[in-house]
């Protein structure tokens, strides 16, 4: 008898994969950086003082003066509410200044008194008219009075026109009073020939 060939057990079919030319290993998932490796953002810069000679803002200019005024109990712009202010412009024709300004007579009189004092402090020339005064000295006068009376703010009264009107009137009154005194002095002294009495010619 012919020997029967032994049959090997059947092997499972092998799965053939096609090569795509890339790495057959699975793609690596990017990992999040550890918290310790995250760089903190720099802190915001701290405010520094302006360099010497740099122009200052209006609030920086008024701070020393307002502090001194507040120490004496005077109300300043920093103690007044910053509500929106309706500007009041100089009207044309005749007008009553205290009524246009919308303030009481007592406060109006205090403003006048302070303006008269500030004319001396600012160094205005009492022998000259308003137009002949130094612009820098006028600006200093207005700034001083605004610090004493916040109602005179430039937002309410553009170009400081109420102060300008009061200064014009004061300078005019000073010149008139001086001229009147000079005439009175000349009249009382006579012309030196002994033929006058109180500045009037006598009758022989």
Protein backbone atom coordinates (compact mmCIF):
# COMPACT_ATOMS: atom_id res chain seq x y z
CA UNK A 1 0.00 0.00 0.00
CA UNK A 2 1.10 3.30 -0.78
CA UNK A 3 1.84 5.41 2.23
CA UNK A 4 -0.67 8.15 2.78
CA UNK A 5 0.79 11.58 2.98
CA UNK A 6 0.25 13.28 6.28
CA UNK A 7 -1.79 16.55 5.97
CA UNK A 8 -0.55 19.45 8.03
CA UNK A 9 -3.12 21.43 9.92
CA UNK A 10 -4.56 24.38 7.97
CA UNK A 11 -2.96 27.74 8.78
CA UNK A 12 -5.14 30.84 9.02
CA UNK A 13 -4.70 33.19 6.09
CA UNK A 14 -2.30 36.03 6.77
CA UNK A 15 -3.51 39.65 6.32
CA UNK A 16 -1.38 41.53 3.88
CA UNK A 17 -0.91 45.21 4.58
CA UNK A 18 0.18 47.74 2.05
CA UNK A 19 3.03 50.00 2.84
CA UNK A 20 2.22 53.67 2.46
CA UNK A 21 5.79 54.78 2.75
CA UNK A 22 5.27 56.29 6.17
CA UNK A 23 6.13 55.14 9.63
CA UNK A 24 3.87 52.31 10.62
CA UNK A 25 3.95 53.35 14.27
CA UNK A 26 0.93 55.34 15.49
CA UNK A 27 1.31 59.15 15.48
CA UNK A 28 2.45 60.57 18.78
CA UNK A 29 -0.09 62.79 20.57
CA UNK A 30 1.42 66.20 21.52
CA UNK A 31 1.66 66.60 25.22
CA UNK A 32 0.67 69.78 27.06
CA UNK A 33 3.58 71.59 28.67
CA UNK A 34 3.86 71.24 32.37
CA UNK A 35 2.59 74.15 34.45
CA UNK A 36 6.05 74.64 35.86
CA UNK A 37 7.37 75.33 32.35
CA UNK A 38 4.84 78.09 31.56
CA UNK A 39 6.53 81.49 31.66
CA UNK A 40 4.58 84.08 33.66
CA UNK A 41 3.77 87.38 31.93
CA UNK A 42 5.74 90.38 33.17
CA UNK A 43 3.87 92.64 35.64
CA UNK A 44 2.48 95.96 34.32
CA UNK A 45 4.94 98.84 34.49
CA UNK A 46 4.67 101.00 37.59
CA UNK A 47 3.98 104.74 37.04
CA UNK A 48 7.07 106.88 37.28
CA UNK A 49 7.47 110.58 37.86
CA UNK A 50 7.79 112.73 34.70
CA UNK A 51 11.35 113.77 33.86
CA UNK A 52 12.56 117.18 34.92
CA UNK A 53 11.47 119.91 32.55
CA UNK A 54 8.55 117.92 31.10
CA UNK A 55 5.31 119.89 30.71
CA UNK A 56 2.79 119.26 33.47
CA UNK A 57 -0.94 118.79 33.11
CA UNK A 58 -3.44 121.27 34.53
CA UNK A 59 -4.28 118.91 37.39
CA UNK A 60 -0.57 118.63 38.31
CA UNK A 61 -0.21 122.41 38.21
CA UNK A 62 -3.20 122.99 40.48
CA UNK A 63 -2.37 120.25 43.01
CA UNK A 64 0.01 122.31 45.24
CA UNK A 65 -2.25 125.34 45.19
CA UNK A 66 -5.38 123.31 45.85
CA UNK A 67 -3.69 121.55 48.76
CA UNK A 68 -2.77 124.89 50.32
CA UNK A 69 -6.27 126.25 49.80
CA UNK A 70 -7.92 123.14 51.24
CA UNK A 71 -5.78 123.51 54.37
CA UNK A 72 -7.40 126.91 54.96
CA UNK A 73 -10.91 125.54 54.35
CA UNK A 74 -11.33 127.07 50.89
CA UNK A 75 -13.32 124.98 48.45
CA UNK A 76 -11.28 124.09 45.39
CA UNK A 77 -11.86 122.35 42.08
CA UNK A 78 -10.85 119.00 43.57
CA UNK A 79 -13.68 119.24 46.13
CA UNK A 80 -16.35 120.19 43.59
CA UNK A 81 -18.30 117.56 41.68
CA UNK A 82 -17.13 117.05 38.13
CA UNK A 83 -20.61 117.30 36.65
CA UNK A 84 -20.90 118.52 33.09
CA UNK A 85 -20.82 122.32 33.05
CA UNK A 86 -22.71 124.43 30.53
CA UNK A 87 -20.40 127.22 29.28
CA UNK A 88 -21.54 130.82 29.68
CA UNK A 89 -20.25 133.15 27.00
CA UNK A 90 -19.92 136.92 27.19
CA UNK A 91 -23.18 138.51 25.99
CA UNK A 92 -23.36 141.42 23.61
CA UNK A 93 -24.69 144.79 24.64
CA UNK A 94 -25.37 145.92 28.21
CA UNK A 95 -25.70 143.36 30.96
CA UNK A 96 -25.41 142.93 34.73
CA UNK A 97 -22.39 140.73 35.35
CA UNK A 98 -23.58 139.17 38.61
CA UNK A 99 -26.84 138.10 36.94
CA UNK A 100 -25.07 136.60 33.93
CA UNK A 101 -22.70 134.66 36.17
CA UNK A 102 -25.62 133.17 38.10
CA UNK A 103 -24.09 133.57 41.56
CA UNK A 104 -25.12 135.35 44.75
CA UNK A 105 -24.06 138.89 45.56
CA UNK A 106 -22.04 137.80 48.59
CA UNK A 107 -19.93 135.42 46.50
CA UNK A 108 -19.69 138.04 43.76
CA UNK A 109 -18.29 140.56 46.26
CA UNK A 110 -15.77 138.01 47.56
CA UNK A 111 -14.59 137.41 43.99
CA UNK A 112 -14.11 141.15 43.50
CA UNK A 113 -12.11 141.46 46.74
CA UNK A 114 -9.85 138.55 45.78
CA UNK A 115 -9.31 139.91 42.28
CA UNK A 116 -8.20 143.26 43.73
CA UNK A 117 -5.69 141.44 45.97
CA UNK A 118 -4.51 139.19 43.16
CA UNK A 119 -3.85 142.20 40.93
CA UNK A 120 -1.16 143.15 43.41
CA UNK A 121 0.07 139.57 43.81
CA UNK A 122 0.36 139.05 40.05
CA UNK A 123 2.31 142.29 39.69
CA UNK A 124 0.03 144.19 37.30
CA UNK A 125 0.96 147.81 36.55
CA UNK A 126 -1.78 150.03 38.01
CA UNK A 127 -0.76 152.89 35.75
CA UNK A 128 -1.50 150.94 32.59
CA UNK A 129 -4.73 149.84 30.94
CA UNK A 130 -5.84 146.23 30.69
CA UNK A 131 -4.57 145.92 27.11
CA UNK A 132 -1.15 147.19 28.17
CA UNK A 133 -0.67 144.53 30.86
CA UNK A 134 1.70 141.56 30.52
CA UNK A 135 -0.17 138.47 29.30
CA UNK A 136 1.72 136.11 31.61
CA UNK A 137 0.82 138.17 34.67
CA UNK A 138 -2.82 138.28 33.64
CA UNK A 139 -2.81 134.49 33.23
CA UNK A 140 -1.33 134.10 36.72
CA UNK A 141 -3.99 136.39 38.15
CA UNK A 142 -6.79 134.36 36.54
CA UNK A 143 -5.27 131.09 37.75
CA UNK A 144 -5.03 132.35 41.33
CA UNK A 145 -8.63 133.49 41.36
CA UNK A 146 -9.89 130.25 39.80
CA UNK A 147 -8.18 128.33 42.59
CA UNK A 148 -9.99 130.46 45.18
CA UNK A 149 -13.36 130.36 43.43
CA UNK A 150 -14.07 127.15 41.46
CA UNK A 151 -17.21 128.72 39.99
CA UNK A 152 -14.85 130.70 37.73
CA UNK A 153 -13.64 127.57 35.93
CA UNK A 154 -12.68 127.94 32.28
CA UNK A 155 -15.25 125.28 31.38
CA UNK A 156 -17.99 127.56 32.70
CA UNK A 157 -16.50 130.88 31.58
CA UNK A 158 -14.33 130.46 28.45
CA UNK A 159 -11.30 132.75 28.24
CA UNK A 160 -11.90 133.90 31.86
CA UNK A 161 -14.04 136.71 30.51
CA UNK A 162 -15.78 137.64 33.84
CA UNK A 163 -12.40 138.04 35.50
CA UNK A 164 -11.16 140.11 32.58
CA UNK A 165 -14.15 142.46 32.91
CA UNK A 166 -13.60 142.89 36.65
CA UNK A 167 -9.89 143.56 36.16
CA UNK A 168 -10.63 146.15 33.47
CA UNK A 169 -13.06 147.94 35.79
CA UNK A 170 -10.65 147.86 38.71
CA UNK A 171 -7.73 149.26 36.70
CA UNK A 172 -9.96 151.98 35.28
CA UNK A 173 -11.18 152.97 38.76
CA UNK A 174 -7.62 153.08 40.11
CA UNK A 175 -6.47 155.38 37.32
CA UNK A 176 -9.52 157.66 37.75
CA UNK A 177 -8.99 157.92 41.51
CA UNK A 178 -5.33 158.75 41.05
CA UNK A 179 -6.13 161.41 38.47
CA UNK A 180 -8.76 162.89 40.80
CA UNK A 181 -6.27 163.00 43.66
CA UNK A 182 -3.66 164.64 41.48
CA UNK A 183 -6.13 167.34 40.41
CA UNK A 184 -7.15 167.92 44.00
CA UNK A 185 -3.52 168.21 45.07
CA UNK A 186 -2.76 170.65 42.26
CA UNK A 187 -5.87 172.72 43.07
CA UNK A 188 -5.04 172.95 46.78
CA UNK A 189 -1.41 173.94 46.18
CA UNK A 190 -2.27 176.61 43.55
CA UNK A 191 -0.06 177.68 40.68
CA UNK A 192 2.51 179.37 42.92
CA UNK A 193 1.71 183.05 42.13
CA UNK A 194 -0.48 183.57 45.19
CA UNK A 195 -3.43 184.61 43.04
CA UNK A 196 -5.48 181.49 43.46
CA UNK A 197 -7.70 180.08 46.14
CA UNK A 198 -8.46 176.42 46.01
CA UNK A 199 -7.40 176.28 42.39
CA UNK A 200 -9.83 179.02 41.30
CA UNK A 201 -8.78 182.55 40.27
CA UNK A 202 -9.52 185.25 42.86
CA UNK A 203 -11.23 188.54 42.19
CA UNK A 204 -9.15 191.67 42.86
